[in-house]
Amino acid sequence: MPSAKVNNLIKMVNQIAANICFQSTEQEAVAKITNHLQLFWAKSMKQDIIEYYQQDGEGLSELASQAVARLAGQ
C-alpha cells in the first residue's frame, strides 16, 4: 500500500491528466502531462511517482500512467 505522500501524488497526477485530457488528443495530453511534471514537480516528487509506477502503478489513470512512463524514460 502506498504511503500517504504517494497517495497524494497519485491523486495530483490523475487530476492533472483529467484536466488536460479534455483539451487535447491522447498523445498531446500525455506530452502536456509529462511536461507539467517536469516543470512543476520537485525532483523527489518525480522520483516517488516513478518508483510507484515501476512497482505497481495501479492507481494511476491511463493517461497519467503513460505520462509517468515517459517521465521515467520508458
PDB file of N, CA and C in Angstrom:
ATOM      1  N   MET A   1       0.846  -1.181   0.000  1.00  0.00           N
ATOM      2  CA  MET A   1       0.000   0.000   0.000  1.00  0.00           C
ATOM      3  C   MET A   1       0.891   1.244   0.000  1.00  0.00           C
ATOM      4  N   PRO A   2       0.620   2.159  -0.911  1.00  0.00           N
ATOM      5  CA  PRO A   2       1.434   3.379  -0.966  1.00  0.00           C
ATOM      6  C   PRO A   2       1.273   4.226   0.301  1.00  0.00           C
ATOM      7  N   SER A   3       2.291   5.001   0.566  1.00  0.00           N
ATOM      8  CA  SER A   3       2.238   5.910   1.704  1.00  0.00           C
ATOM      9  C   SER A   3       1.247   7.042   1.411  1.00  0.00           C
ATOM     10  N   ALA A   4       0.918   7.796   2.442  1.00  0.00           N
ATOM     11  CA  ALA A   4       0.015   8.940   2.269  1.00  0.00           C
ATOM     12  C   ALA A   4       0.606   9.942   1.283  1.00  0.00           C
ATOM     13  N   LYS A   5       1.915  10.123   1.341  1.00  0.00           N
ATOM     14  CA  LYS A   5       2.600  11.043   0.427  1.00  0.00           C
ATOM     15  C   LYS A   5       2.413  10.594  -1.020  1.00  0.00           C
ATOM     16  N   VAL A   6       2.627   9.305  -1.287  1.00  0.00           N
ATOM     17  CA  VAL A   6       2.486   8.787  -2.646  1.00  0.00           C
ATOM     18  C   VAL A   6       1.023   8.814  -3.070  1.00  0.00           C
ATOM     19  N   ASN A   7       0.109   8.507  -2.159  1.00  0.00           N
ATOM     20  CA  ASN A   7      -1.319   8.599  -2.490  1.00  0.00           C
ATOM     21  C   ASN A   7      -1.690  10.008  -2.932  1.00  0.00           C
ATOM     22  N   ASN A   8      -1.117  11.015  -2.299  1.00  0.00           N
ATOM     23  CA  ASN A   8      -1.364  12.401  -2.690  1.00  0.00           C
ATOM     24  C   ASN A   8      -0.810  12.676  -4.085  1.00  0.00           C
ATOM     25  N   LEU A   9       0.370  12.153  -4.394  1.00  0.00           N
ATOM     26  CA  LEU A   9       0.953  12.335  -5.728  1.00  0.00           C
ATOM     27  C   LEU A   9       0.094  11.661  -6.784  1.00  0.00           C
ATOM     28  N   ILE A  10      -0.408  10.462  -6.479  1.00  0.00           N
ATOM     29  CA  ILE A  10      -1.281   9.750  -7.409  1.00  0.00           C
ATOM     30  C   ILE A  10      -2.523  10.594  -7.694  1.00  0.00           C
ATOM     31  N   LYS A  11      -3.129  11.109  -6.649  1.00  0.00           N
ATOM     32  CA  LYS A  11      -4.317  11.954  -6.801  1.00  0.00           C
ATOM     33  C   LYS A  11      -4.005  13.179  -7.658  1.00  0.00           C
ATOM     34  N   MET A  12      -2.871  13.805  -7.388  1.00  0.00           N
ATOM     35  CA  MET A  12      -2.495  15.018  -8.123  1.00  0.00           C
ATOM     36  C   MET A  12      -2.288  14.730  -9.610  1.00  0.00           C
ATOM     37  N   VAL A  13      -1.519  13.701  -9.937  1.00  0.00           N
ATOM     38  CA  VAL A  13      -1.235  13.426 -11.349  1.00  0.00           C
ATOM     39  C   VAL A  13      -2.505  12.980 -12.070  1.00  0.00           C
ATOM     40  N   ASN A  14      -3.388  12.251 -11.395  1.00  0.00           N
ATOM     41  CA  ASN A  14      -4.659  11.880 -12.018  1.00  0.00           C
ATOM     42  C   ASN A  14      -5.533  13.107 -12.275  1.00  0.00           C
ATOM     43  N   GLN A  15      -5.512  14.090 -11.370  1.00  0.00           N
ATOM     44  CA  GLN A  15      -6.267  15.323 -11.578  1.00  0.00           C
ATOM     45  C   GLN A  15      -5.694  16.122 -12.744  1.00  0.00           C
ATOM     46  N   ILE A  16      -4.387  16.186 -12.831  1.00  0.00           N
ATOM     47  CA  ILE A  16      -3.741  16.887 -13.948  1.00  0.00           C
ATOM     48  C   ILE A  16      -4.166  16.228 -15.256  1.00  0.00           C
ATOM     49  N   ALA A  17      -4.109  14.896 -15.292  1.00  0.00           N
ATOM     50  CA  ALA A  17      -4.489  14.158 -16.502  1.00  0.00           C
ATOM     51  C   ALA A  17      -5.945  14.404 -16.862  1.00  0.00           C
ATOM     52  N   ALA A  18      -6.814  14.390 -15.868  1.00  0.00           N
ATOM     53  CA  ALA A  18      -8.245  14.611 -16.117  1.00  0.00           C
ATOM     54  C   ALA A  18      -8.502  16.004 -16.682  1.00  0.00           C
ATOM     55  N   ASN A  19      -7.789  16.997 -16.200  1.00  0.00           N
ATOM     56  CA  ASN A  19      -7.978  18.363 -16.691  1.00  0.00           C
ATOM     57  C   ASN A  19      -7.424  18.556 -18.086  1.00  0.00           C
ATOM     58  N   ILE A  20      -6.313  17.942 -18.372  1.00  0.00           N
ATOM     59  CA  ILE A  20      -5.665  18.136 -19.670  1.00  0.00           C
ATOM     60  C   ILE A  20      -6.332  17.325 -20.772  1.00  0.00           C
ATOM     61  N   CYS A  21      -6.886  16.168 -20.456  1.00  0.00           N
ATOM     62  CA  CYS A  21      -7.412  15.282 -21.496  1.00  0.00           C
ATOM     63  C   CYS A  21      -8.553  15.904 -22.293  1.00  0.00           C
ATOM     64  N   PHE A  22      -9.271  16.834 -21.717  1.00  0.00           N
ATOM     65  CA  PHE A  22     -10.390  17.460 -22.418  1.00  0.00           C
ATOM     66  C   PHE A  22      -9.929  18.473 -23.463  1.00  0.00           C
ATOM     67  N   GLN A  23      -8.677  18.888 -23.368  1.00  0.00           N
ATOM     68  CA  GLN A  23      -8.160  19.937 -24.243  1.00  0.00           C
ATOM     69  C   GLN A  23      -7.320  19.393 -25.391  1.00  0.00           C
ATOM     70  N   SER A  24      -7.075  18.068 -25.431  1.00  0.00           N
ATOM     71  CA  SER A  24      -6.072  17.543 -26.336  1.00  0.00           C
ATOM     72  C   SER A  24      -6.402  16.134 -26.800  1.00  0.00           C
ATOM     73  N   THR A  25      -5.685  15.706 -27.856  1.00  0.00           N
ATOM     74  CA  THR A  25      -5.714  14.301 -28.227  1.00  0.00           C
ATOM     75  C   THR A  25      -4.939  13.530 -27.169  1.00  0.00           C
ATOM     76  N   GLU A  26      -5.012  12.213 -27.203  1.00  0.00           N
ATOM     77  CA  GLU A  26      -4.340  11.395 -26.192  1.00  0.00           C
ATOM     78  C   GLU A  26      -2.830  11.645 -26.182  1.00  0.00           C
ATOM     79  N   GLN A  27      -2.209  11.647 -27.341  1.00  0.00           N
ATOM     80  CA  GLN A  27      -0.755  11.854 -27.400  1.00  0.00           C
ATOM     81  C   GLN A  27      -0.362  13.251 -26.949  1.00  0.00           C
ATOM     82  N   GLU A  28      -1.134  14.242 -27.332  1.00  0.00           N
ATOM     83  CA  GLU A  28      -0.865  15.607 -26.873  1.00  0.00           C
ATOM     84  C   GLU A  28      -1.033  15.715 -25.365  1.00  0.00           C
ATOM     85  N   ALA A  29      -2.057  15.053 -24.836  1.00  0.00           N
ATOM     86  CA  ALA A  29      -2.304  15.093 -23.395  1.00  0.00           C
ATOM     87  C   ALA A  29      -1.145  14.462 -22.633  1.00  0.00           C
ATOM     88  N   VAL A  30      -0.662  13.329 -23.085  1.00  0.00           N
ATOM     89  CA  VAL A  30       0.470  12.666 -22.417  1.00  0.00           C
ATOM     90  C   VAL A  30       1.686  13.586 -22.425  1.00  0.00           C
ATOM     91  N   ALA A  31       1.949  14.223 -23.556  1.00  0.00           N
ATOM     92  CA  ALA A  31       3.086  15.146 -23.649  1.00  0.00           C
ATOM     93  C   ALA A  31       2.904  16.330 -22.688  1.00  0.00           C
ATOM     94  N   LYS A  32       1.690  16.873 -22.606  1.00  0.00           N
ATOM     95  CA  LYS A  32       1.429  18.018 -21.722  1.00  0.00           C
ATOM     96  C   LYS A  32       1.537  17.633 -20.248  1.00  0.00           C
ATOM     97  N   ILE A  33       1.037  16.458 -19.909  1.00  0.00           N
ATOM     98  CA  ILE A  33       1.137  15.989 -18.521  1.00  0.00           C
ATOM     99  C   ILE A  33       2.601  15.794 -18.147  1.00  0.00           C
ATOM    100  N   THR A  34       3.343  15.139 -19.017  1.00  0.00           N
ATOM    101  CA  THR A  34       4.776  14.913 -18.768  1.00  0.00           C
ATOM    102  C   THR A  34       5.504  16.236 -18.610  1.00  0.00           C
ATOM    103  N   ASN A  35       5.217  17.181 -19.479  1.00  0.00           N
ATOM    104  CA  ASN A  35       5.845  18.491 -19.408  1.00  0.00           C
ATOM    105  C   ASN A  35       5.512  19.182 -18.085  1.00  0.00           C
ATOM    106  N   HIS A  36       4.264  19.091 -17.664  1.00  0.00           N
ATOM    107  CA  HIS A  36       3.850  19.699 -16.400  1.00  0.00           C
ATOM    108  C   HIS A  36       4.649  19.091 -15.240  1.00  0.00           C
ATOM    109  N   LEU A  37       4.761  17.773 -15.220  1.00  0.00           N
ATOM    110  CA  LEU A  37       5.514  17.115 -14.156  1.00  0.00           C
ATOM    111  C   LEU A  37       6.976  17.554 -14.168  1.00  0.00           C
ATOM    112  N   GLN A  38       7.555  17.632 -15.357  1.00  0.00           N
ATOM    113  CA  GLN A  38       8.957  18.043 -15.469  1.00  0.00           C
ATOM    114  C   GLN A  38       9.166  19.467 -14.972  1.00  0.00           C
ATOM    115  N   LEU A  39       8.245  20.351 -15.283  1.00  0.00           N
ATOM    116  CA  LEU A  39       8.408  21.766 -14.947  1.00  0.00           C
ATOM    117  C   LEU A  39       8.065  22.110 -13.503  1.00  0.00           C
ATOM    118  N   PHE A  40       7.017  21.477 -12.972  1.00  0.00           N
ATOM    119  CA  PHE A  40       6.466  21.952 -11.713  1.00  0.00           C
ATOM    120  C   PHE A  40       6.610  21.010 -10.520  1.00  0.00           C
ATOM    121  N   TRP A  41       6.988  19.785 -10.755  1.00  0.00           N
ATOM    122  CA  TRP A  41       7.142  18.860  -9.639  1.00  0.00           C
ATOM    123  C   TRP A  41       8.597  18.821  -9.191  1.00  0.00           C
ATOM    124  N   ALA A  42       8.794  18.782  -7.887  1.00  0.00           N
ATOM    125  CA  ALA A  42      10.137  18.662  -7.314  1.00  0.00           C
ATOM    126  C   ALA A  42      10.734  17.308  -7.708  1.00  0.00           C
ATOM    127  N   LYS A  43      12.037  17.259  -7.729  1.00  0.00           N
ATOM    128  CA  LYS A  43      12.736  16.027  -8.099  1.00  0.00           C
ATOM    129  C   LYS A  43      12.276  14.852  -7.240  1.00  0.00           C
ATOM    130  N   SER A  44      12.102  15.081  -5.948  1.00  0.00           N
ATOM    131  CA  SER A  44      11.677  13.998  -5.052  1.00  0.00           C
ATOM    132  C   SER A  44      10.272  13.506  -5.395  1.00  0.00           C
ATOM    133  N   MET A  45       9.395  14.414  -5.800  1.00  0.00           N
ATOM    134  CA  MET A  45       8.038  14.030  -6.189  1.00  0.00           C
ATOM    135  C   MET A  45       8.084  13.160  -7.439  1.00  0.00           C
ATOM    136  N   LYS A  46       8.898  13.572  -8.410  1.00  0.00           N
ATOM    137  CA  LYS A  46       9.029  12.800  -9.647  1.00  0.00           C
ATOM    138  C   LYS A  46       9.600  11.418  -9.354  1.00  0.00           C
ATOM    139  N   GLN A  47      10.606  11.354  -8.500  1.00  0.00           N
ATOM    140  CA  GLN A  47      11.202  10.061  -8.158  1.00  0.00           C
ATOM    141  C   GLN A  47      10.181   9.160  -7.478  1.00  0.00           C
ATOM    142  N   ASP A  48       9.396   9.717  -6.566  1.00  0.00           N
ATOM    143  CA  ASP A  48       8.396   8.925  -5.843  1.00  0.00           C
ATOM    144  C   ASP A  48       7.319   8.373  -6.780  1.00  0.00           C
ATOM    145  N   ILE A  49       6.818   9.196  -7.708  1.00  0.00           N
ATOM    146  CA  ILE A  49       5.757   8.721  -8.597  1.00  0.00           C
ATOM    147  C   ILE A  49       6.311   7.732  -9.611  1.00  0.00           C
ATOM    148  N   ILE A  50       7.547   7.919 -10.053  1.00  0.00           N
ATOM    149  CA  ILE A  50       8.172   6.957 -10.960  1.00  0.00           C
ATOM    150  C   ILE A  50       8.372   5.620 -10.252  1.00  0.00           C
ATOM    151  N   GLU A  51       8.839   5.667  -9.025  1.00  0.00           N
ATOM    152  CA  GLU A  51       9.033   4.440  -8.253  1.00  0.00           C
ATOM    153  C   GLU A  51       7.698   3.715  -8.060  1.00  0.00           C
ATOM    154  N   TYR A  52       6.662   4.460  -7.744  1.00  0.00           N
ATOM    155  CA  TYR A  52       5.331   3.864  -7.597  1.00  0.00           C
ATOM    156  C   TYR A  52       4.897   3.229  -8.918  1.00  0.00           C
ATOM    157  N   TYR A  53       5.071   3.931 -10.015  1.00  0.00           N
ATOM    158  CA  TYR A  53       4.691   3.417 -11.335  1.00  0.00           C
ATOM    159  C   TYR A  53       5.437   2.119 -11.632  1.00  0.00           C
ATOM    160  N   GLN A  54       6.719   2.085 -11.344  1.00  0.00           N
ATOM    161  CA  GLN A  54       7.531   0.913 -11.658  1.00  0.00           C
ATOM    162  C   GLN A  54       7.207  -0.276 -10.757  1.00  0.00           C
ATOM    163  N   GLN A  55       6.781  -0.019  -9.531  1.00  0.00           N
ATOM    164  CA  GLN A  55       6.458  -1.095  -8.605  1.00  0.00           C
ATOM    165  C   GLN A  55       5.031  -1.604  -8.760  1.00  0.00           C
ATOM    166  N   ASP A  56       4.105  -0.712  -9.040  1.00  0.00           N
ATOM    167  CA  ASP A  56       2.698  -1.098  -9.084  1.00  0.00           C
ATOM    168  C   ASP A  56       1.961  -0.265 -10.123  1.00  0.00           C
ATOM    169  N   GLY A  57       1.777   1.005  -9.842  1.00  0.00           N
ATOM    170  CA  GLY A  57       1.145   1.931 -10.764  1.00  0.00           C
ATOM    171  C   GLY A  57      -0.346   1.746 -10.936  1.00  0.00           C
ATOM    172  N   GLU A  58      -0.936   0.862 -10.168  1.00  0.00           N
ATOM    173  CA  GLU A  58      -2.337   0.511 -10.323  1.00  0.00           C
ATOM    174  C   GLU A  58      -3.296   1.679 -10.148  1.00  0.00           C
ATOM    175  N   GLY A  59      -2.955   2.631  -9.297  1.00  0.00           N
ATOM    176  CA  GLY A  59      -3.850   3.747  -9.015  1.00  0.00           C
ATOM    177  C   GLY A  59      -3.804   4.870 -10.031  1.00  0.00           C
ATOM    178  N   LEU A  60      -2.912   4.781 -10.995  1.00  0.00           N
ATOM    179  CA  LEU A  60      -2.785   5.835 -11.996  1.00  0.00           C
ATOM    180  C   LEU A  60      -3.789   5.643 -13.126  1.00  0.00           C
ATOM    181  N   SER A  61      -4.362   6.732 -13.584  1.00  0.00           N
ATOM    182  CA  SER A  61      -5.223   6.652 -14.761  1.00  0.00           C
ATOM    183  C   SER A  61      -4.353   6.288 -15.964  1.00  0.00           C
ATOM    184  N   GLU A  62      -5.000   5.926 -17.050  1.00  0.00           N
ATOM    185  CA  GLU A  62      -4.249   5.518 -18.246  1.00  0.00           C
ATOM    186  C   GLU A  62      -3.323   6.646 -18.746  1.00  0.00           C
ATOM    187  N   LEU A  63      -3.849   7.859 -18.835  1.00  0.00           N
ATOM    188  CA  LEU A  63      -3.028   8.978 -19.303  1.00  0.00           C
ATOM    189  C   LEU A  63      -1.908   9.301 -18.317  1.00  0.00           C
ATOM    190  N   ALA A  64      -2.222   9.281 -17.029  1.00  0.00           N
ATOM    191  CA  ALA A  64      -1.209   9.545 -16.013  1.00  0.00           C
ATOM    192  C   ALA A  64      -0.117   8.487 -16.071  1.00  0.00           C
ATOM    193  N   SER A  65      -0.511   7.239 -16.241  1.00  0.00           N
ATOM    194  CA  SER A  65       0.450   6.148 -16.335  1.00  0.00           C
ATOM    195  C   SER A  65       1.381   6.330 -17.534  1.00  0.00           C
ATOM    196  N   GLN A  66       0.827   6.698 -18.666  1.00  0.00           N
ATOM    197  CA  GLN A  66       1.638   6.941 -19.861  1.00  0.00           C
ATOM    198  C   GLN A  66       2.607   8.097 -19.656  1.00  0.00           C
ATOM    199  N   ALA A  67       2.131   9.139 -19.003  1.00  0.00           N
ATOM    200  CA  ALA A  67       2.976  10.302 -18.755  1.00  0.00           C
ATOM    201  C   ALA A  67       4.114   9.969 -17.793  1.00  0.00           C
ATOM    202  N   VAL A  68       3.810   9.219 -16.738  1.00  0.00           N
ATOM    203  CA  VAL A  68       4.858   8.847 -15.784  1.00  0.00           C
ATOM    204  C   VAL A  68       5.851   7.902 -16.459  1.00  0.00           C
ATOM    205  N   ALA A  69       5.379   7.007 -17.310  1.00  0.00           N
ATOM    206  CA  ALA A  69       6.286   6.129 -18.065  1.00  0.00           C
ATOM    207  C   ALA A  69       7.223   6.966 -18.928  1.00  0.00           C
ATOM    208  N   ARG A  70       6.682   7.971 -19.579  1.00  0.00           N
ATOM    209  CA  ARG A  70       7.503   8.853 -20.417  1.00  0.00           C
ATOM    210  C   ARG A  70       8.503   9.625 -19.544  1.00  0.00           C
ATOM    211  N   LEU A  71       8.046  10.094 -18.391  1.00  0.00           N
ATOM    212  CA  LEU A  71       8.909  10.797 -17.451  1.00  0.00           C
ATOM    213  C   LEU A  71      10.050   9.893 -17.007  1.00  0.00           C
ATOM    214  N   ALA A  72       9.757   8.621 -16.826  1.00  0.00           N
ATOM    215  CA  ALA A  72      10.771   7.648 -16.398  1.00  0.00           C
ATOM    216  C   ALA A  72      11.709   7.266 -17.536  1.00  0.00           C
ATOM    217  N   GLY A  73      11.372   7.676 -18.747  1.00  0.00           N
ATOM    218  CA  GLY A  73      12.223   7.363 -19.889  1.00  0.00           C
ATOM    219  C   GLY A  73      11.922   6.010 -20.506  1.00  0.00           C
ATOM    220  N   GLN A  74      10.737   5.506 -20.268  1.00  0.00           N
ATOM    221  CA  GLN A  74      10.365   4.191 -20.805  1.00  0.00           C
ATOM    222  C   GLN A  74       9.539   4.329 -22.050  1.00  0.00           C
TER     223      GLN A  74
END
